[in-house]
Protein backbone atom coordinates (compact mmCIF):
# COMPACT_ATOMS: atom_id res chain seq x y z
CA MET A 1 -11.16 22.69 -57.32
CA ALA A 2 -10.71 26.15 -58.96
CA GLY A 3 -8.30 28.90 -57.76
CA GLY A 4 -6.94 32.25 -58.66
CA ASP A 5 -9.91 34.54 -59.18
CA LYS A 6 -9.91 37.87 -57.82
CA ASP A 7 -12.18 38.56 -54.84
CA PRO A 8 -14.81 40.98 -55.67
CA VAL A 9 -14.92 42.54 -52.39
CA ALA A 10 -11.88 41.49 -49.84
CA ARG A 11 -9.01 43.90 -51.11
CA GLY A 12 -5.94 41.91 -52.48
CA ALA A 13 -7.70 38.41 -51.94
CA ARG A 14 -7.64 35.61 -54.13
CA VAL A 15 -10.32 33.09 -54.01
CA THR A 16 -10.06 29.23 -54.51
CA ARG A 17 -13.46 27.30 -54.90
CA LEU A 18 -14.68 23.96 -54.30
CA GLY A 19 -14.79 21.51 -57.26
CA ARG A 20 -18.15 20.21 -58.36
CA ASP A 21 -17.16 16.88 -57.17
CA PHE A 22 -17.00 18.14 -53.40
CA ARG A 23 -19.18 16.43 -50.94
CA TRP A 24 -20.02 16.93 -47.19
CA PRO A 25 -18.82 14.33 -44.70
CA GLY A 26 -20.49 11.02 -45.31
CA GLY A 27 -20.89 11.63 -49.13
CA ARG A 28 -23.72 13.97 -48.37
CA HIS A 29 -24.43 17.00 -50.95
CA VAL A 30 -26.68 18.85 -48.46
CA ALA A 31 -25.42 20.84 -45.56
CA VAL A 32 -27.83 22.52 -42.85
CA VAL A 33 -26.67 25.13 -40.61
CA PHE A 34 -28.92 26.55 -37.74
CA ASN A 35 -28.03 30.26 -37.08
CA VAL A 36 -29.08 32.39 -34.21
CA ALA A 37 -28.68 36.09 -34.48
CA TYR A 38 -28.40 37.65 -30.93
CA GLU A 39 -28.56 41.45 -31.57
CA THR A 40 -28.93 44.65 -29.88
CA TRP A 41 -28.30 48.63 -30.48
CA PRO A 42 -26.61 50.84 -28.08
CA ASP A 43 -28.37 53.35 -25.95
CA GLY A 44 -29.86 56.14 -28.19
CA LYS A 45 -29.95 54.28 -31.22
CA ALA A 46 -33.10 52.47 -32.99
CA PRO A 47 -33.09 49.40 -35.38
CA GLY A 48 -34.20 50.80 -38.84
CA ILE A 49 -37.22 48.38 -39.09
CA GLY A 50 -39.70 47.83 -36.58
CA PRO A 51 -43.28 45.95 -36.31
CA MET A 52 -45.42 48.83 -37.17
CA GLY A 53 -46.07 49.84 -40.78
CA ASN A 54 -47.01 53.37 -40.64
CA PRO A 55 -43.80 55.75 -40.79
CA LEU A 56 -43.06 58.07 -37.89
CA PRO A 57 -42.89 61.95 -38.73
CA GLY A 58 -39.19 62.81 -39.70
CA GLY A 59 -36.85 63.26 -36.75
CA ALA A 60 -39.05 61.03 -34.44
CA PHE A 61 -37.15 58.67 -32.37
CA ASP A 62 -38.50 55.22 -32.84
CA THR A 63 -39.15 54.03 -29.31
CA ASN A 64 -41.47 51.12 -30.64
CA ALA A 65 -38.55 49.75 -32.55
CA VAL A 66 -36.08 49.81 -29.64
CA SER A 67 -38.74 48.06 -27.57
CA TRP A 68 -39.30 45.34 -29.99
CA ALA A 69 -35.62 44.80 -30.61
CA THR A 70 -35.05 44.45 -26.76
CA TYR A 71 -37.54 41.39 -26.65
CA GLY A 72 -34.34 39.21 -27.98
CA GLN A 73 -32.26 39.72 -24.77
CA VAL A 74 -35.23 39.81 -22.45
CA ARG A 75 -37.04 36.69 -23.53
CA GLY A 76 -36.24 35.74 -27.16
CA ILE A 77 -32.87 34.34 -26.78
CA GLU A 78 -33.57 31.93 -24.02
CA ARG A 79 -36.52 30.55 -25.53
CA ILE A 80 -34.39 29.66 -28.54
CA LEU A 81 -31.46 28.32 -26.46
CA ARG A 82 -34.39 26.11 -24.57
CA VAL A 83 -35.48 24.82 -28.01
CA LEU A 84 -31.97 23.92 -29.13
CA ASP A 85 -31.12 22.18 -25.82
CA ALA A 86 -34.42 20.08 -26.10
CA LEU A 87 -33.39 18.72 -29.81
CA LYS A 88 -29.68 18.46 -28.85
CA LEU A 89 -28.86 20.73 -31.73
CA SER A 90 -25.72 22.80 -31.84
CA ALA A 91 -26.13 26.33 -33.62
CA SER A 92 -23.67 29.03 -34.63
CA VAL A 93 -24.78 32.22 -32.73
CA MET A 94 -23.53 35.50 -33.90
CA ALA A 95 -23.65 38.11 -30.81
CA ASN A 96 -22.70 41.69 -30.78
CA GLY A 97 -20.01 42.55 -28.38
CA ILE A 98 -21.95 44.70 -26.30
CA PHE A 99 -23.53 41.92 -24.84
CA ALA A 100 -20.14 41.37 -22.99
CA GLU A 101 -21.40 44.27 -20.72
CA ARG A 102 -25.18 43.41 -20.97
CA THR A 103 -25.65 39.83 -20.63
CA PRO A 104 -22.57 38.23 -20.10
CA ALA A 105 -24.11 35.13 -18.36
CA ILE A 106 -26.11 34.38 -21.63
CA LEU A 107 -22.74 34.48 -23.48
CA LYS A 108 -21.32 31.82 -21.49
CA ARG A 109 -24.54 29.85 -21.37
CA ILE A 110 -24.09 30.01 -25.36
CA VAL A 111 -20.61 28.52 -25.36
CA ASP A 112 -21.26 26.01 -22.16
CA ALA A 113 -24.24 24.55 -24.28
CA GLY A 114 -22.02 23.60 -27.13
CA HIS A 115 -22.95 26.38 -29.60
CA GLU A 116 -20.39 28.62 -31.59
CA LEU A 117 -20.13 32.05 -30.72
CA VAL A 118 -19.79 34.33 -33.83
CA SER A 119 -18.61 37.82 -33.50
CA HIS A 120 -21.04 40.19 -34.99
CA SER A 121 -19.33 43.61 -34.38
CA TYR A 122 -19.95 45.60 -31.25
CA SER A 123 -23.50 46.56 -31.67
CA GLN A 124 -25.92 46.52 -34.74
CA ASP A 125 -25.19 49.97 -35.69
CA ILE A 126 -21.45 49.39 -36.66
CA VAL A 127 -21.40 48.33 -40.29
CA PRO A 128 -17.79 47.81 -41.71
CA ALA A 129 -18.57 49.22 -44.96
CA THR A 130 -19.21 52.49 -43.39
CA LEU A 131 -15.91 52.75 -41.58
CA THR A 132 -12.35 53.73 -41.94
CA PRO A 133 -9.96 50.83 -42.12
CA GLU A 134 -8.55 51.86 -38.74
CA GLN A 135 -12.24 51.78 -37.36
CA VAL A 136 -12.86 48.39 -38.88
CA LYS A 137 -9.71 46.84 -37.27
CA ALA A 138 -10.59 48.39 -33.90
CA ASP A 139 -13.93 47.16 -33.88
CA ILE A 140 -12.64 43.71 -34.66
CA VAL A 141 -10.34 43.68 -31.72
CA LYS A 142 -13.12 45.44 -29.38
CA THR A 143 -15.74 42.95 -30.24
CA THR A 144 -13.50 39.72 -30.22
CA ASP A 145 -11.74 40.68 -26.71
CA ALA A 146 -15.24 41.24 -25.31
CA LEU A 147 -17.08 38.15 -26.28
CA ALA A 148 -13.84 36.06 -25.38
CA SER A 149 -13.60 37.67 -21.80
CA ALA A 150 -17.39 37.21 -21.10
CA SER A 151 -17.81 33.64 -22.67
CA GLY A 152 -14.64 32.09 -21.90
CA ALA A 153 -14.16 31.11 -25.69
CA ARG A 154 -12.34 33.30 -28.20
CA PRO A 155 -14.70 33.57 -31.52
CA ARG A 156 -13.21 32.06 -34.75
CA GLY A 157 -15.98 33.28 -36.93
CA TRP A 158 -17.20 36.67 -37.87
CA ILE A 159 -20.36 38.05 -39.61
CA SER A 160 -20.99 41.73 -40.04
CA PRO A 161 -24.15 43.66 -39.32
CA ARG A 162 -26.12 43.55 -42.58
CA GLY A 163 -23.46 41.13 -43.94
CA THR A 164 -21.70 44.14 -45.10
CA PRO A 165 -17.84 43.94 -44.75
CA SER A 166 -15.11 46.73 -45.40
CA PRO A 167 -12.88 45.85 -48.35
CA ASP A 168 -10.24 45.59 -45.46
CA SER A 169 -12.19 43.37 -42.93
CA ALA A 170 -10.80 39.97 -44.29
CA ARG A 171 -7.00 40.94 -43.69
CA PHE A 172 -8.05 42.45 -40.42
CA LEU A 173 -9.89 39.12 -39.59
CA ILE A 174 -6.98 36.89 -40.34
CA GLU A 175 -4.35 39.08 -38.21
CA ALA A 176 -6.91 38.81 -35.40
CA GLY A 177 -6.66 34.84 -35.73
CA TYR A 178 -10.32 34.23 -37.11
CA MET A 179 -10.90 30.98 -39.50
CA TRP A 180 -13.96 31.94 -41.16
CA GLN A 181 -16.05 34.95 -42.23
CA GLY A 182 -19.66 34.99 -43.26
CA ASP A 183 -19.83 38.35 -45.39
CA VAL A 184 -20.23 36.58 -48.73
CA PHE A 185 -23.29 35.57 -50.90
CA ASP A 186 -21.70 34.82 -54.38
CA ASP A 187 -21.73 30.83 -54.06
CA ASP A 188 -23.55 27.74 -52.83
CA ARG A 189 -20.55 26.69 -51.17
CA PRO A 190 -17.87 28.06 -49.01
CA TYR A 191 -14.37 28.74 -50.59
CA LEU A 192 -11.02 30.04 -49.61
CA GLN A 193 -9.80 33.61 -49.65
CA THR A 194 -6.01 33.99 -49.73
CA LEU A 195 -4.42 37.23 -48.88
CA ASP A 196 -0.81 38.12 -48.06
CA GLN A 197 -1.49 37.95 -44.08
CA GLY A 198 -2.90 34.21 -44.52
CA ARG A 199 -6.09 32.34 -45.50
CA LEU A 200 -9.59 32.70 -44.35
CA VAL A 201 -12.70 30.46 -45.23
CA ALA A 202 -15.62 32.60 -46.78
CA ILE A 203 -18.96 30.81 -45.79
CA PRO A 204 -21.98 32.19 -47.99
CA LEU A 205 -24.89 33.31 -45.87
CA VAL A 206 -27.91 31.64 -47.56
CA MET A 207 -30.99 33.98 -47.08
CA ASP A 208 -33.65 31.78 -48.25
CA ILE A 209 -34.78 30.63 -44.55
CA ASN A 210 -34.19 33.70 -42.69
CA ASP A 211 -36.82 35.03 -40.36
CA LEU A 212 -36.11 38.73 -40.74
CA PRO A 213 -36.83 39.25 -44.52
CA HIS A 214 -39.30 36.35 -44.16
CA ALA A 215 -41.52 38.11 -41.53
CA MET A 216 -40.39 41.73 -41.57
CA ARG A 217 -40.22 42.35 -45.10
CA PHE A 218 -42.68 39.94 -46.79
CA GLY A 219 -45.13 39.35 -43.83
CA ARG A 220 -45.11 35.65 -44.17
CA SER A 221 -45.83 33.26 -41.19
CA PRO A 222 -43.81 30.91 -39.16
CA ARG A 223 -45.90 27.91 -41.14
CA GLN A 224 -44.73 29.43 -44.12
CA TYR A 225 -40.98 29.59 -42.80
CA VAL A 226 -41.32 25.72 -42.36
CA GLU A 227 -42.98 25.31 -45.82
CA MET A 228 -40.53 26.84 -47.49
CA PHE A 229 -37.84 24.68 -45.74
CA ASP A 230 -39.61 21.68 -46.72
CA ASP A 231 -39.86 22.76 -50.30
CA LEU A 232 -36.13 23.75 -50.41
CA LEU A 233 -34.66 20.65 -48.80
CA GLY A 234 -36.89 18.73 -50.93
CA HIS A 235 -35.69 20.24 -54.09
CA ALA A 236 -31.92 20.11 -52.90
CA LEU A 237 -32.00 16.32 -52.27
CA VAL A 238 -33.49 15.24 -55.45
CA GLY A 239 -32.87 18.10 -57.85
CA GLU A 240 -29.28 19.32 -57.21
CA SER A 241 -26.24 17.25 -57.96
CA GLU A 242 -23.64 19.60 -56.32
CA ALA A 243 -22.99 20.28 -52.77
CA LEU A 244 -24.59 23.17 -51.35
CA MET A 245 -25.78 24.83 -47.78
CA ILE A 246 -28.94 25.49 -46.32
CA ASP A 247 -29.00 28.26 -43.48
CA VAL A 248 -31.79 28.30 -40.96
CA THR A 249 -31.73 31.76 -39.40
CA VAL A 250 -33.41 32.89 -36.72
CA HIS A 251 -33.14 36.34 -34.61
CA GLY A 252 -33.91 36.58 -30.95
CA HIS A 253 -36.11 39.34 -31.37
CA VAL A 254 -37.95 38.08 -34.46
CA PHE A 255 -38.52 33.99 -34.01
CA GLY A 256 -37.81 34.24 -30.59
CA HIS A 257 -41.20 34.58 -29.91
CA PRO A 258 -43.34 31.35 -29.46
CA ALA A 259 -44.82 31.13 -32.87
CA GLY A 260 -41.21 31.43 -34.42
CA ALA A 261 -39.69 29.20 -31.86
CA TRP A 262 -42.40 26.63 -32.93
CA ALA A 263 -41.08 27.06 -36.52
CA LEU A 264 -37.36 26.54 -35.45
CA GLU A 265 -38.28 23.39 -33.41
CA THR A 266 -40.27 21.87 -36.31
CA ILE A 267 -37.53 22.35 -38.90
CA GLY A 268 -34.96 21.04 -36.04
CA ARG A 269 -37.11 17.71 -35.69
CA LYS A 270 -37.41 17.22 -39.36
CA VAL A 271 -33.41 17.14 -39.93
CA LYS A 272 -32.50 15.57 -36.57
CA GLY A 273 -31.10 11.99 -37.18
CA ARG A 274 -31.41 12.17 -41.26
CA ASP A 275 -28.57 10.31 -42.67
CA ASP A 276 -28.80 12.09 -46.10
CA VAL A 277 -28.31 15.42 -44.56
CA TYR A 278 -25.00 16.82 -42.87
CA VAL A 279 -26.12 19.13 -39.74
CA ALA A 280 -23.14 21.32 -38.48
CA ARG A 281 -21.89 24.53 -37.14
CA LYS A 282 -20.29 27.02 -39.08
CA ASP A 283 -16.78 26.29 -37.56
CA GLU A 284 -17.18 22.78 -38.46
CA ILE A 285 -18.05 23.72 -41.99
CA ALA A 286 -14.83 25.88 -42.22
CA GLN A 287 -12.84 22.96 -40.91
CA VAL A 288 -14.12 20.69 -43.72
CA VAL A 289 -13.42 23.25 -46.24
CA LEU A 290 -10.06 23.62 -44.86
CA GLN A 291 -9.29 20.12 -45.25
CA ALA A 292 -10.35 19.76 -48.69
CA LEU A 293 -8.49 22.89 -49.94
CA ILE A 294 -5.40 22.75 -48.24
């Protein structure tokens, strides 16, 4: 292992990284994590993107984007959960705290089905990098309490909207009892952040197989999503000698539609039962890293 580097984002944190000889359980060097993004915006706020390419006149409220995003909580999340249940796969489900008000039964269903519930700010318009330290801490406390109350399980992992934390997020997450956070992109493997307040596992969010940029930015199809996963996994198994992670990420309002859910199911069937891939939730990944580094 290598340690002592200054963290580029988290204020006051030192980084300890896994060594080149690290392997996932069973001696595997590839880990696959299934992530589900269950996201929403507060009343009167619209997502910054939507399915229509033509721009609105300045100042117009994007009702199209609001309706598109609402699909996730009306239909998308239930379809994704059905797919995962049929495959007997456990996922890490990042959810906004506001769902404790809107769909508490879904949050409880997520936990009862054996998935990990991950905090994702109170709503999608709350990006920690834009907040004061006091606001960052308040959002962590509010989100954590809301999700715990509705689901019956206190979240141990956090990913910010847009993956964009405040420099103070890490220390507040430690104070709130979090084990890991996913607002990092600078490694192929997780690592340990050490602050005066304690330790936090930082788990990179790998963006290669992510439906939001895949479909909404680049206009690729669900079949291409599967093909890209096949190409990446094939290369990782034979062309990479060091341990790495592959995130398979779907959003309720993007790949919660039938075609996207087919792509998720197809990838799930490909990895299920393989003995050369470690399939795990992110809290399980964090436990492995803690055992290796502490």
